[in-house]
């Protein structure tokens, strides 16, 4: 069986989620699960990615104190992160166009 995967799709999905509003890690993991329902979201990898995005200046984080629980680190997109998100959208649009051409060509005369 073949599973079509978009490499590094988690990164633009995180940026898009944060563009919609700040979130903490578990909220991001839940959002990613809706984008990638067949993939298990590894929280360790997610937090490493968030730290890398923060180091690159694409994301900012701060600790939020919950009234009844522990503090949570929340993340939000920076203006630089919004620009990178726009670049991801353009790249994914190009990829979609390439995939569409591939599918059309295979349907038009491919030997199966």
PDB file of N, CA and C in Angstrom:
ATOM      1  N   UNK A   1       0.841  -1.172   0.000  1.00  0.00           N
ATOM      2  CA  UNK A   1       0.000   0.000   0.000  1.00  0.00           C
ATOM      3  C   UNK A   1       0.896   1.249   0.000  1.00  0.00           C
ATOM      4  N   UNK A   2       0.479   2.264  -0.718  1.00  0.00           N
ATOM      5  CA  UNK A   2       1.221   3.523  -0.800  1.00  0.00           C
ATOM      6  C   UNK A   2       0.491   4.558   0.033  1.00  0.00           C
ATOM      7  N   UNK A   3       1.256   5.282   0.824  1.00  0.00           N
ATOM      8  CA  UNK A   3       0.679   6.375   1.610  1.00  0.00           C
ATOM      9  C   UNK A   3       1.307   7.680   1.140  1.00  0.00           C
ATOM     10  N   UNK A   4       0.508   8.527   0.514  1.00  0.00           N
ATOM     11  CA  UNK A   4       1.015   9.813   0.033  1.00  0.00           C
ATOM     12  C   UNK A   4       1.219  10.731   1.230  1.00  0.00           C
ATOM     13  N   UNK A   5       2.406  11.277   1.332  1.00  0.00           N
ATOM     14  CA  UNK A   5       2.723  12.147   2.462  1.00  0.00           C
ATOM     15  C   UNK A   5       3.349  13.437   1.952  1.00  0.00           C
ATOM     16  N   UNK A   6       3.002  14.516   2.578  1.00  0.00           N
ATOM     17  CA  UNK A   6       3.645  15.790   2.287  1.00  0.00           C
ATOM     18  C   UNK A   6       4.717  15.959   3.355  1.00  0.00           C
ATOM     19  N   UNK A   7       5.950  15.934   2.931  1.00  0.00           N
ATOM     20  CA  UNK A   7       7.045  16.068   3.894  1.00  0.00           C
ATOM     21  C   UNK A   7       6.962  17.401   4.623  1.00  0.00           C
ATOM     22  N   UNK A   8       7.219  17.352   5.903  1.00  0.00           N
ATOM     23  CA  UNK A   8       7.252  18.545   6.755  1.00  0.00           C
ATOM     24  C   UNK A   8       5.903  19.253   6.837  1.00  0.00           C
ATOM     25  N   UNK A   9       4.791  18.554   6.604  1.00  0.00           N
ATOM     26  CA  UNK A   9       3.477  19.192   6.647  1.00  0.00           C
ATOM     27  C   UNK A   9       3.107  19.649   8.052  1.00  0.00           C
ATOM     28  N   UNK A  10       3.715  19.054   9.063  1.00  0.00           N
ATOM     29  CA  UNK A  10       3.395  19.440  10.439  1.00  0.00           C
ATOM     30  C   UNK A  10       3.748  20.906  10.672  1.00  0.00           C
ATOM     31  N   UNK A  11       4.868  21.355  10.132  1.00  0.00           N
ATOM     32  CA  UNK A  11       5.285  22.743  10.348  1.00  0.00           C
ATOM     33  C   UNK A  11       4.255  23.755   9.845  1.00  0.00           C
ATOM     34  N   UNK A  12       3.806  23.672   8.583  1.00  0.00           N
ATOM     35  CA  UNK A  12       2.800  24.651   8.166  1.00  0.00           C
ATOM     36  C   UNK A  12       1.479  24.486   8.918  1.00  0.00           C
ATOM     37  N   UNK A  13       1.147  23.264   9.319  1.00  0.00           N
ATOM     38  CA  UNK A  13      -0.086  23.056  10.093  1.00  0.00           C
ATOM     39  C   UNK A  13       0.017  23.744  11.451  1.00  0.00           C
ATOM     40  N   UNK A  14       1.185  23.693  12.077  1.00  0.00           N
ATOM     41  CA  UNK A  14       1.398  24.398  13.352  1.00  0.00           C
ATOM     42  C   UNK A  14       1.303  25.904  13.127  1.00  0.00           C
ATOM     43  N   UNK A  15       1.953  26.405  12.084  1.00  0.00           N
ATOM     44  CA  UNK A  15       1.918  27.845  11.811  1.00  0.00           C
ATOM     45  C   UNK A  15       0.495  28.314  11.542  1.00  0.00           C
ATOM     46  N   UNK A  16      -0.270  27.543  10.769  1.00  0.00           N
ATOM     47  CA  UNK A  16      -1.650  27.919  10.483  1.00  0.00           C
ATOM     48  C   UNK A  16      -2.488  27.921  11.759  1.00  0.00           C
ATOM     49  N   UNK A  17      -2.311  26.914  12.579  1.00  0.00           N
ATOM     50  CA  UNK A  17      -3.064  26.843  13.841  1.00  0.00           C
ATOM     51  C   UNK A  17      -2.751  28.053  14.710  1.00  0.00           C
ATOM     52  N   UNK A  18      -1.480  28.419  14.797  1.00  0.00           N
ATOM     53  CA  UNK A  18      -1.101  29.573  15.615  1.00  0.00           C
ATOM     54  C   UNK A  18      -1.536  30.886  14.968  1.00  0.00           C
ATOM     55  N   UNK A  19      -1.670  30.906  13.655  1.00  0.00           N
ATOM     56  CA  UNK A  19      -2.188  32.103  12.985  1.00  0.00           C
ATOM     57  C   UNK A  19      -3.652  32.334  13.369  1.00  0.00           C
ATOM     58  N   UNK A  20      -4.337  31.262  13.711  1.00  0.00           N
ATOM     59  CA  UNK A  20      -5.738  31.350  14.120  1.00  0.00           C
ATOM     60  C   UNK A  20      -5.885  31.767  15.584  1.00  0.00           C
ATOM     61  N   UNK A  21      -4.793  31.725  16.349  1.00  0.00           N
ATOM     62  CA  UNK A  21      -4.829  32.136  17.748  1.00  0.00           C
ATOM     63  C   UNK A  21      -3.794  31.394  18.559  1.00  0.00           C
ATOM     64  N   UNK A  22      -3.408  31.975  19.689  1.00  0.00           N
ATOM     65  CA  UNK A  22      -2.382  31.331  20.504  1.00  0.00           C
ATOM     66  C   UNK A  22      -2.921  30.025  21.076  1.00  0.00           C
ATOM     67  N   UNK A  23      -1.991  29.121  21.370  1.00  0.00           N
ATOM     68  CA  UNK A  23      -2.379  27.805  21.864  1.00  0.00           C
ATOM     69  C   UNK A  23      -1.232  27.224  22.672  1.00  0.00           C
ATOM     70  N   UNK A  24      -1.566  26.279  23.528  1.00  0.00           N
ATOM     71  CA  UNK A  24      -0.510  25.552  24.235  1.00  0.00           C
ATOM     72  C   UNK A  24      -0.278  24.220  23.527  1.00  0.00           C
ATOM     73  N   UNK A  25       0.733  23.510  23.932  1.00  0.00           N
ATOM     74  CA  UNK A  25       1.171  22.307  23.227  1.00  0.00           C
ATOM     75  C   UNK A  25       0.095  21.265  23.015  1.00  0.00           C
ATOM     76  N   UNK A  26      -0.691  20.960  24.043  1.00  0.00           N
ATOM     77  CA  UNK A  26      -1.720  19.935  23.885  1.00  0.00           C
ATOM     78  C   UNK A  26      -2.810  20.386  22.912  1.00  0.00           C
ATOM     79  N   UNK A  27      -3.140  21.677  22.920  1.00  0.00           N
ATOM     80  CA  UNK A  27      -4.111  22.189  21.948  1.00  0.00           C
ATOM     81  C   UNK A  27      -3.568  22.047  20.527  1.00  0.00           C
ATOM     82  N   UNK A  28      -2.281  22.332  20.362  1.00  0.00           N
ATOM     83  CA  UNK A  28      -1.660  22.173  19.048  1.00  0.00           C
ATOM     84  C   UNK A  28      -1.687  20.713  18.613  1.00  0.00           C
ATOM     85  N   UNK A  29      -1.396  19.809  19.538  1.00  0.00           N
ATOM     86  CA  UNK A  29      -1.414  18.382  19.211  1.00  0.00           C
ATOM     87  C   UNK A  29      -2.806  17.948  18.768  1.00  0.00           C
ATOM     88  N   UNK A  30      -3.834  18.428  19.442  1.00  0.00           N
ATOM     89  CA  UNK A  30      -5.206  18.092  19.057  1.00  0.00           C
ATOM     90  C   UNK A  30      -5.529  18.627  17.666  1.00  0.00           C
ATOM     91  N   UNK A  31      -5.111  19.842  17.387  1.00  0.00           N
ATOM     92  CA  UNK A  31      -5.348  20.428  16.075  1.00  0.00           C
ATOM     93  C   UNK A  31      -4.626  19.631  14.993  1.00  0.00           C
ATOM     94  N   UNK A  32      -3.376  19.255  15.267  1.00  0.00           N
ATOM     95  CA  UNK A  32      -2.610  18.479  14.295  1.00  0.00           C
ATOM     96  C   UNK A  32      -3.255  17.121  14.039  1.00  0.00           C
ATOM     97  N   UNK A  33      -3.840  16.543  15.074  1.00  0.00           N
ATOM     98  CA  UNK A  33      -4.506  15.247  14.910  1.00  0.00           C
ATOM     99  C   UNK A  33      -5.659  15.363  13.912  1.00  0.00           C
ATOM    100  N   UNK A  34      -6.306  16.531  13.844  1.00  0.00           N
ATOM    101  CA  UNK A  34      -7.387  16.698  12.873  1.00  0.00           C
ATOM    102  C   UNK A  34      -6.834  16.843  11.454  1.00  0.00           C
ATOM    103  N   UNK A  35      -5.621  17.385  11.312  1.00  0.00           N
ATOM    104  CA  UNK A  35      -4.993  17.511   9.994  1.00  0.00           C
ATOM    105  C   UNK A  35      -4.393  16.191   9.538  1.00  0.00           C
ATOM    106  N   UNK A  36      -3.890  15.432  10.491  1.00  0.00           N
ATOM    107  CA  UNK A  36      -3.163  14.197  10.183  1.00  0.00           C
ATOM    108  C   UNK A  36      -3.778  13.043  10.967  1.00  0.00           C
ATOM    109  N   UNK A  37      -5.017  12.663  10.648  1.00  0.00           N
ATOM    110  CA  UNK A  37      -5.721  11.686  11.482  1.00  0.00           C
ATOM    111  C   UNK A  37      -5.081  10.298  11.518  1.00  0.00           C
ATOM    112  N   UNK A  38      -4.293   9.953  10.517  1.00  0.00           N
ATOM    113  CA  UNK A  38      -3.675   8.630  10.488  1.00  0.00           C
ATOM    114  C   UNK A  38      -2.285   8.609  11.113  1.00  0.00           C
ATOM    115  N   UNK A  39      -1.783   9.758  11.533  1.00  0.00           N
ATOM    116  CA  UNK A  39      -0.449   9.837  12.133  1.00  0.00           C
ATOM    117  C   UNK A  39      -0.557  10.084  13.633  1.00  0.00           C
ATOM    118  N   UNK A  40       0.328   9.454  14.368  1.00  0.00           N
ATOM    119  CA  UNK A  40       0.393   9.704  15.805  1.00  0.00           C
ATOM    120  C   UNK A  40       1.227  10.955  16.023  1.00  0.00           C
ATOM    121  N   UNK A  41       0.718  11.868  16.827  1.00  0.00           N
ATOM    122  CA  UNK A  41       1.441  13.102  17.119  1.00  0.00           C
ATOM    123  C   UNK A  41       2.367  12.837  18.293  1.00  0.00           C
ATOM    124  N   UNK A  42       3.654  12.959  18.056  1.00  0.00           N
ATOM    125  CA  UNK A  42       4.647  12.757  19.107  1.00  0.00           C
ATOM    126  C   UNK A  42       4.870  14.103  19.793  1.00  0.00           C
ATOM    127  N   UNK A  43       4.451  14.198  21.057  1.00  0.00           N
ATOM    128  CA  UNK A  43       4.560  15.476  21.774  1.00  0.00           C
ATOM    129  C   UNK A  43       6.004  15.946  21.910  1.00  0.00           C
ATOM    130  N   UNK A  44       6.928  15.028  22.105  1.00  0.00           N
ATOM    131  CA  UNK A  44       8.337  15.408  22.205  1.00  0.00           C
ATOM    132  C   UNK A  44       8.812  16.088  20.941  1.00  0.00           C
ATOM    133  N   UNK A  45       8.465  15.506  19.785  1.00  0.00           N
ATOM    134  CA  UNK A  45       8.847  16.119  18.503  1.00  0.00           C
ATOM    135  C   UNK A  45       8.151  17.452  18.303  1.00  0.00           C
ATOM    136  N   UNK A  46       6.890  17.536  18.723  1.00  0.00           N
ATOM    137  CA  UNK A  46       6.155  18.794  18.593  1.00  0.00           C
ATOM    138  C   UNK A  46       6.832  19.897  19.401  1.00  0.00           C
ATOM    139  N   UNK A  47       7.196  19.609  20.650  1.00  0.00           N
ATOM    140  CA  UNK A  47       7.844  20.630  21.475  1.00  0.00           C
ATOM    141  C   UNK A  47       9.227  20.993  20.939  1.00  0.00           C
ATOM    142  N   UNK A  48       9.953  20.014  20.375  1.00  0.00           N
ATOM    143  CA  UNK A  48      11.250  20.347  19.757  1.00  0.00           C
ATOM    144  C   UNK A  48      11.042  21.278  18.566  1.00  0.00           C
ATOM    145  N   UNK A  49      10.005  21.004  17.770  1.00  0.00           N
ATOM    146  CA  UNK A  49       9.714  21.869  16.627  1.00  0.00           C
ATOM    147  C   UNK A  49       9.348  23.272  17.104  1.00  0.00           C
ATOM    148  N   UNK A  50       8.532  23.356  18.142  1.00  0.00           N
ATOM    149  CA  UNK A  50       8.139  24.674  18.658  1.00  0.00           C
ATOM    150  C   UNK A  50       9.356  25.452  19.151  1.00  0.00           C
ATOM    151  N   UNK A  51      10.280  24.782  19.831  1.00  0.00           N
ATOM    152  CA  UNK A  51      11.507  25.466  20.277  1.00  0.00           C
ATOM    153  C   UNK A  51      12.319  25.943  19.083  1.00  0.00           C
ATOM    154  N   UNK A  52      12.407  25.104  18.042  1.00  0.00           N
ATOM    155  CA  UNK A  52      13.159  25.502  16.839  1.00  0.00           C
ATOM    156  C   UNK A  52      12.482  26.688  16.153  1.00  0.00           C
ATOM    157  N   UNK A  53      11.160  26.661  16.058  1.00  0.00           N
ATOM    158  CA  UNK A  53      10.439  27.776  15.453  1.00  0.00           C
ATOM    159  C   UNK A  53      10.623  29.052  16.268  1.00  0.00           C
ATOM    160  N   UNK A  54      10.701  28.891  17.582  1.00  0.00           N
ATOM    161  CA  UNK A  54      10.931  30.057  18.436  1.00  0.00           C
ATOM    162  C   UNK A  54      12.352  30.591  18.238  1.00  0.00           C
ATOM    163  N   UNK A  55      13.316  29.706  18.128  1.00  0.00           N
ATOM    164  CA  UNK A  55      14.704  30.114  17.886  1.00  0.00           C
ATOM    165  C   UNK A  55      14.816  30.863  16.564  1.00  0.00           C
ATOM    166  N   UNK A  56      14.034  30.438  15.559  1.00  0.00           N
ATOM    167  CA  UNK A  56      14.043  31.090  14.248  1.00  0.00           C
ATOM    168  C   UNK A  56      13.248  32.390  14.237  1.00  0.00           C
ATOM    169  N   UNK A  57      12.557  32.700  15.336  1.00  0.00           N
ATOM    170  CA  UNK A  57      11.793  33.933  15.419  1.00  0.00           C
ATOM    171  C   UNK A  57      10.406  33.856  14.791  1.00  0.00           C
ATOM    172  N   UNK A  58       9.935  32.641  14.505  1.00  0.00           N
ATOM    173  CA  UNK A  58       8.637  32.475  13.859  1.00  0.00           C
ATOM    174  C   UNK A  58       7.499  32.351  14.871  1.00  0.00           C
ATOM    175  N   UNK A  59       7.852  31.975  16.088  1.00  0.00           N
ATOM    176  CA  UNK A  59       6.885  31.731  17.158  1.00  0.00           C
ATOM    177  C   UNK A  59       7.431  32.370  18.424  1.00  0.00           C
ATOM    178  N   UNK A  60       6.546  32.875  19.264  1.00  0.00           N
ATOM    179  CA  UNK A  60       6.911  33.357  20.601  1.00  0.00           C
ATOM    180  C   UNK A  60       6.118  32.561  21.613  1.00  0.00           C
ATOM    181  N   UNK A  61       6.691  32.393  22.783  1.00  0.00           N
ATOM    182  CA  UNK A  61       5.962  31.673  23.830  1.00  0.00           C
ATOM    183  C   UNK A  61       6.058  32.435  25.137  1.00  0.00           C
ATOM    184  N   UNK A  62       5.094  32.158  26.007  1.00  0.00           N
ATOM    185  CA  UNK A  62       5.129  32.705  27.359  1.00  0.00           C
ATOM    186  C   UNK A  62       4.336  31.782  28.262  1.00  0.00           C
ATOM    187  N   UNK A  63       4.669  31.823  29.527  1.00  0.00           N
ATOM    188  CA  UNK A  63       3.980  30.993  30.506  1.00  0.00           C
ATOM    189  C   UNK A  63       2.676  31.670  30.916  1.00  0.00           C
ATOM    190  N   UNK A  64       1.603  30.889  30.949  1.00  0.00           N
ATOM    191  CA  UNK A  64       0.297  31.359  31.394  1.00  0.00           C
ATOM    192  C   UNK A  64      -0.065  30.580  32.655  1.00  0.00           C
ATOM    193  N   UNK A  65      -0.414  31.281  33.697  1.00  0.00           N
ATOM    194  CA  UNK A  65      -0.828  30.625  34.931  1.00  0.00           C
ATOM    195  C   UNK A  65      -2.310  30.311  34.859  1.00  0.00           C
ATOM    196  N   UNK A  66      -2.628  29.065  35.083  1.00  0.00           N
ATOM    197  CA  UNK A  66      -4.024  28.637  35.150  1.00  0.00           C
ATOM    198  C   UNK A  66      -4.513  28.817  36.576  1.00  0.00           C
ATOM    199  N   UNK A  67      -5.771  29.180  36.747  1.00  0.00           N
ATOM    200  CA  UNK A  67      -6.306  29.396  38.082  1.00  0.00           C
ATOM    201  C   UNK A  67      -6.286  28.120  38.908  1.00  0.00           C
ATOM    202  N   UNK A  68      -6.660  27.000  38.295  1.00  0.00           N
ATOM    203  CA  UNK A  68      -6.810  25.781  39.073  1.00  0.00           C
ATOM    204  C   UNK A  68      -5.746  24.734  38.787  1.00  0.00           C
ATOM    205  N   UNK A  69      -4.770  25.060  38.011  1.00  0.00           N
ATOM    206  CA  UNK A  69      -3.793  24.039  37.642  1.00  0.00           C
ATOM    207  C   UNK A  69      -2.407  24.611  37.441  1.00  0.00           C
ATOM    208  N   UNK A  70      -1.615  23.819  36.749  1.00  0.00           N
ATOM    209  CA  UNK A  70      -0.236  24.230  36.502  1.00  0.00           C
ATOM    210  C   UNK A  70      -0.168  25.308  35.424  1.00  0.00           C
ATOM    211  N   UNK A  71       0.969  25.937  35.373  1.00  0.00           N
ATOM    212  CA  UNK A  71       1.208  26.912  34.311  1.00  0.00           C
ATOM    213  C   UNK A  71       1.411  26.174  32.997  1.00  0.00           C
ATOM    214  N   UNK A  72       0.984  26.809  31.912  1.00  0.00           N
ATOM    215  CA  UNK A  72       1.153  26.241  30.576  1.00  0.00           C
ATOM    216  C   UNK A  72       1.876  27.254  29.713  1.00  0.00           C
ATOM    217  N   UNK A  73       2.760  26.730  28.883  1.00  0.00           N
ATOM    218  CA  UNK A  73       3.439  27.596  27.920  1.00  0.00           C
ATOM    219  C   UNK A  73       2.525  27.732  26.709  1.00  0.00           C
ATOM    220  N   UNK A  74       2.199  28.958  26.365  1.00  0.00           N
ATOM    221  CA  UNK A  74       1.382  29.187  25.176  1.00  0.00           C
ATOM    222  C   UNK A  74       2.252  29.780  24.078  1.00  0.00           C
ATOM    223  N   UNK A  75       1.881  29.479  22.865  1.00  0.00           N
ATOM    224  CA  UNK A  75       2.645  29.877  21.691  1.00  0.00           C
ATOM    225  C   UNK A  75       1.779  30.750  20.806  1.00  0.00           C
ATOM    226  N   UNK A  76       2.435  31.704  20.151  1.00  0.00           N
ATOM    227  CA  UNK A  76       1.738  32.539  19.183  1.00  0.00           C
ATOM    228  C   UNK A  76       2.672  32.823  18.021  1.00  0.00           C
ATOM    229  N   UNK A  77       2.071  33.120  16.886  1.00  0.00           N
ATOM    230  CA  UNK A  77       2.828  33.383  15.673  1.00  0.00           C
ATOM    231  C   UNK A  77       3.344  34.820  15.672  1.00  0.00           C
ATOM    232  N   UNK A  78       4.552  34.998  15.199  1.00  0.00           N
ATOM    233  CA  UNK A  78       5.129  36.334  15.046  1.00  0.00           C
ATOM    234  C   UNK A  78       4.841  36.829  13.624  1.00  0.00           C
ATOM    235  N   UNK A  79       5.076  38.103  13.364  1.00  0.00           N
ATOM    236  CA  UNK A  79       4.944  38.591  11.983  1.00  0.00           C
ATOM    237  C   UNK A  79       5.847  37.816  11.007  1.00  0.00           C
ATOM    238  N   UNK A  80       7.036  37.450  11.452  1.00  0.00           N
ATOM    239  CA  UNK A  80       7.928  36.650  10.604  1.00  0.00           C
ATOM    240  C   UNK A  80       7.315  35.282  10.338  1.00  0.00           C
ATOM    241  N   UNK A  81       6.663  34.723  11.337  1.00  0.00           N
ATOM    242  CA  UNK A  81       5.993  33.441  11.170  1.00  0.00           C
ATOM    243  C   UNK A  81       4.846  33.526  10.180  1.00  0.00           C
ATOM    244  N   UNK A  82       4.148  34.657  10.184  1.00  0.00           N
ATOM    245  CA  UNK A  82       3.061  34.849   9.208  1.00  0.00           C
ATOM    246  C   UNK A  82       3.609  34.884   7.789  1.00  0.00           C
ATOM    247  N   UNK A  83       4.775  35.494   7.613  1.00  0.00           N
ATOM    248  CA  UNK A  83       5.391  35.529   6.278  1.00  0.00           C
ATOM    249  C   UNK A  83       5.800  34.122   5.834  1.00  0.00           C
ATOM    250  N   UNK A  84       6.349  33.334   6.755  1.00  0.00           N
ATOM    251  CA  UNK A  84       6.737  31.962   6.413  1.00  0.00           C
ATOM    252  C   UNK A  84       5.493  31.130   6.103  1.00  0.00           C
ATOM    253  N   UNK A  85       4.411  31.354   6.831  1.00  0.00           N
ATOM    254  CA  UNK A  85       3.157  30.662   6.543  1.00  0.00           C
ATOM    255  C   UNK A  85       2.697  30.978   5.121  1.00  0.00           C
ATOM    256  N   UNK A  86       2.777  32.241   4.713  1.00  0.00           N
ATOM    257  CA  UNK A  86       2.405  32.610   3.342  1.00  0.00           C
ATOM    258  C   UNK A  86       3.278  31.869   2.323  1.00  0.00           C
ATOM    259  N   UNK A  87       4.564  31.743   2.630  1.00  0.00           N
ATOM    260  CA  UNK A  87       5.464  31.009   1.731  1.00  0.00           C
ATOM    261  C   UNK A  87       5.080  29.529   1.670  1.00  0.00           C
ATOM    262  N   UNK A  88       4.711  28.958   2.807  1.00  0.00           N
ATOM    263  CA  UNK A  88       4.246  27.565   2.826  1.00  0.00           C
ATOM    264  C   UNK A  88       2.995  27.406   1.961  1.00  0.00           C
ATOM    265  N   UNK A  89       2.054  28.337   2.065  1.00  0.00           N
ATOM    266  CA  UNK A  89       0.826  28.253   1.272  1.00  0.00           C
ATOM    267  C   UNK A  89       1.172  28.259  -0.213  1.00  0.00           C
ATOM    268  N   UNK A  90       2.065  29.139  -0.621  1.00  0.00           N
ATOM    269  CA  UNK A  90       2.467  29.204  -2.031  1.00  0.00           C
ATOM    270  C   UNK A  90       3.138  27.896  -2.460  1.00  0.00           C
ATOM    271  N   UNK A  91       4.013  27.357  -1.614  1.00  0.00           N
ATOM    272  CA  UNK A  91       4.693  26.102  -1.945  1.00  0.00           C
ATOM    273  C   UNK A  91       3.701  24.946  -2.037  1.00  0.00           C
ATOM    274  N   UNK A  92       2.737  24.908  -1.127  1.00  0.00           N
ATOM    275  CA  UNK A  92       1.744  23.832  -1.163  1.00  0.00           C
ATOM    276  C   UNK A  92       0.814  23.971  -2.369  1.00  0.00           C
ATOM    277  N   UNK A  93       0.519  25.207  -2.767  1.00  0.00           N
ATOM    278  CA  UNK A  93      -0.281  25.409  -3.990  1.00  0.00           C
ATOM    279  C   UNK A  93       0.464  24.872  -5.206  1.00  0.00           C
ATOM    280  N   UNK A  94       1.770  25.119  -5.271  1.00  0.00           N
ATOM    281  CA  UNK A  94       2.579  24.583  -6.374  1.00  0.00           C
ATOM    282  C   UNK A  94       2.593  23.063  -6.349  1.00  0.00           C
ATOM    283  N   UNK A  95       2.721  22.496  -5.173  1.00  0.00           N
ATOM    284  CA  UNK A  95       2.714  21.036  -5.034  1.00  0.00           C
ATOM    285  C   UNK A  95       1.373  20.473  -5.482  1.00  0.00           C
ATOM    286  N   UNK A  96       0.284  21.124  -5.060  1.00  0.00           N
ATOM    287  CA  UNK A  96      -1.044  20.666  -5.469  1.00  0.00           C
ATOM    288  C   UNK A  96      -1.173  20.689  -6.986  1.00  0.00           C
ATOM    289  N   UNK A  97      -0.666  21.735  -7.636  1.00  0.00           N
ATOM    290  CA  UNK A  97      -0.746  21.823  -9.096  1.00  0.00           C
ATOM    291  C   UNK A  97       0.035  20.679  -9.746  1.00  0.00           C
ATOM    292  N   UNK A  98       1.189  20.355  -9.194  1.00  0.00           N
ATOM    293  CA  UNK A  98       1.991  19.249  -9.720  1.00  0.00           C
ATOM    294  C   UNK A  98       1.265  17.923  -9.549  1.00  0.00           C
ATOM    295  N   UNK A  99       0.684  17.707  -8.386  1.00  0.00           N
ATOM    296  CA  UNK A  99      -0.058  16.474  -8.132  1.00  0.00           C
ATOM    297  C   UNK A  99      -1.274  16.390  -9.055  1.00  0.00           C
ATOM    298  N   UNK A 100      -1.974  17.504  -9.230  1.00  0.00           N
ATOM    299  CA  UNK A 100      -3.133  17.516 -10.136  1.00  0.00           C
ATOM    300  C   UNK A 100      -2.720  17.132 -11.552  1.00  0.00           C
ATOM    301  N   UNK A 101      -1.590  17.672 -12.036  1.00  0.00           N
ATOM    302  CA  UNK A 101      -1.096  17.311 -13.382  1.00  0.00           C
ATOM    303  C   UNK A 101      -0.764  15.823 -13.456  1.00  0.00           C
ATOM    304  N   UNK A 102      -0.151  15.301 -12.411  1.00  0.00           N
ATOM    305  CA  UNK A 102       0.210  13.886 -12.361  1.00  0.00           C
ATOM    306  C   UNK A 102      -1.035  13.007 -12.454  1.00  0.00           C
ATOM    307  N   UNK A 103      -2.041  13.343 -11.646  1.00  0.00           N
ATOM    308  CA  UNK A 103      -3.274  12.546 -11.631  1.00  0.00           C
ATOM    309  C   UNK A 103      -3.978  12.629 -12.986  1.00  0.00           C
ATOM    310  N   UNK A 104      -4.085  13.824 -13.560  1.00  0.00           N
ATOM    311  CA  UNK A 104      -4.723  13.979 -14.871  1.00  0.00           C
ATOM    312  C   UNK A 104      -4.009  13.129 -15.929  1.00  0.00           C
ATOM    313  N   UNK A 105      -2.697  13.221 -15.930  1.00  0.00           N
ATOM    314  CA  UNK A 105      -1.919  12.466 -16.930  1.00  0.00           C
ATOM    315  C   UNK A 105      -2.104  10.969 -16.756  1.00  0.00           C
ATOM    316  N   UNK A 106      -2.135  10.506 -15.522  1.00  0.00           N
ATOM    317  CA  UNK A 106      -2.315   9.070 -15.297  1.00  0.00           C
ATOM    318  C   UNK A 106      -3.698   8.613 -15.713  1.00  0.00           C
ATOM    319  N   UNK A 107      -4.697   9.481 -15.600  1.00  0.00           N
ATOM    320  CA  UNK A 107      -6.062   9.134 -15.974  1.00  0.00           C
ATOM    321  C   UNK A 107      -6.285   9.212 -17.492  1.00  0.00           C
ATOM    322  N   UNK A 108      -5.476  10.026 -18.180  1.00  0.00           N
ATOM    323  CA  UNK A 108      -5.677  10.244 -19.609  1.00  0.00           C
ATOM    324  C   UNK A 108      -5.147   9.121 -20.482  1.00  0.00           C
ATOM    325  N   UNK A 109      -4.147   8.424 -20.050  1.00  0.00           N
ATOM    326  CA  UNK A 109      -3.638   7.428 -20.978  1.00  0.00           C
ATOM    327  C   UNK A 109      -2.640   6.475 -20.369  1.00  0.00           C
ATOM    328  N   UNK A 110      -2.551   6.487 -19.082  1.00  0.00           N
ATOM    329  CA  UNK A 110      -1.600   5.588 -18.455  1.00  0.00           C
ATOM    330  C   UNK A 110      -2.024   4.136 -18.625  1.00  0.00           C
ATOM    331  N   UNK A 111      -1.050   3.264 -18.682  1.00  0.00           N
ATOM    332  CA  UNK A 111      -1.329   1.823 -18.763  1.00  0.00           C
ATOM    333  C   UNK A 111      -1.297   1.286 -17.349  1.00  0.00           C
ATOM    334  N   UNK A 112      -2.404   0.745 -16.901  1.00  0.00           N
ATOM    335  CA  UNK A 112      -2.469   0.226 -15.547  1.00  0.00           C
ATOM    336  C   UNK A 112      -2.456  -1.263 -15.534  1.00  0.00           C
TER     337      UNK A 112
END
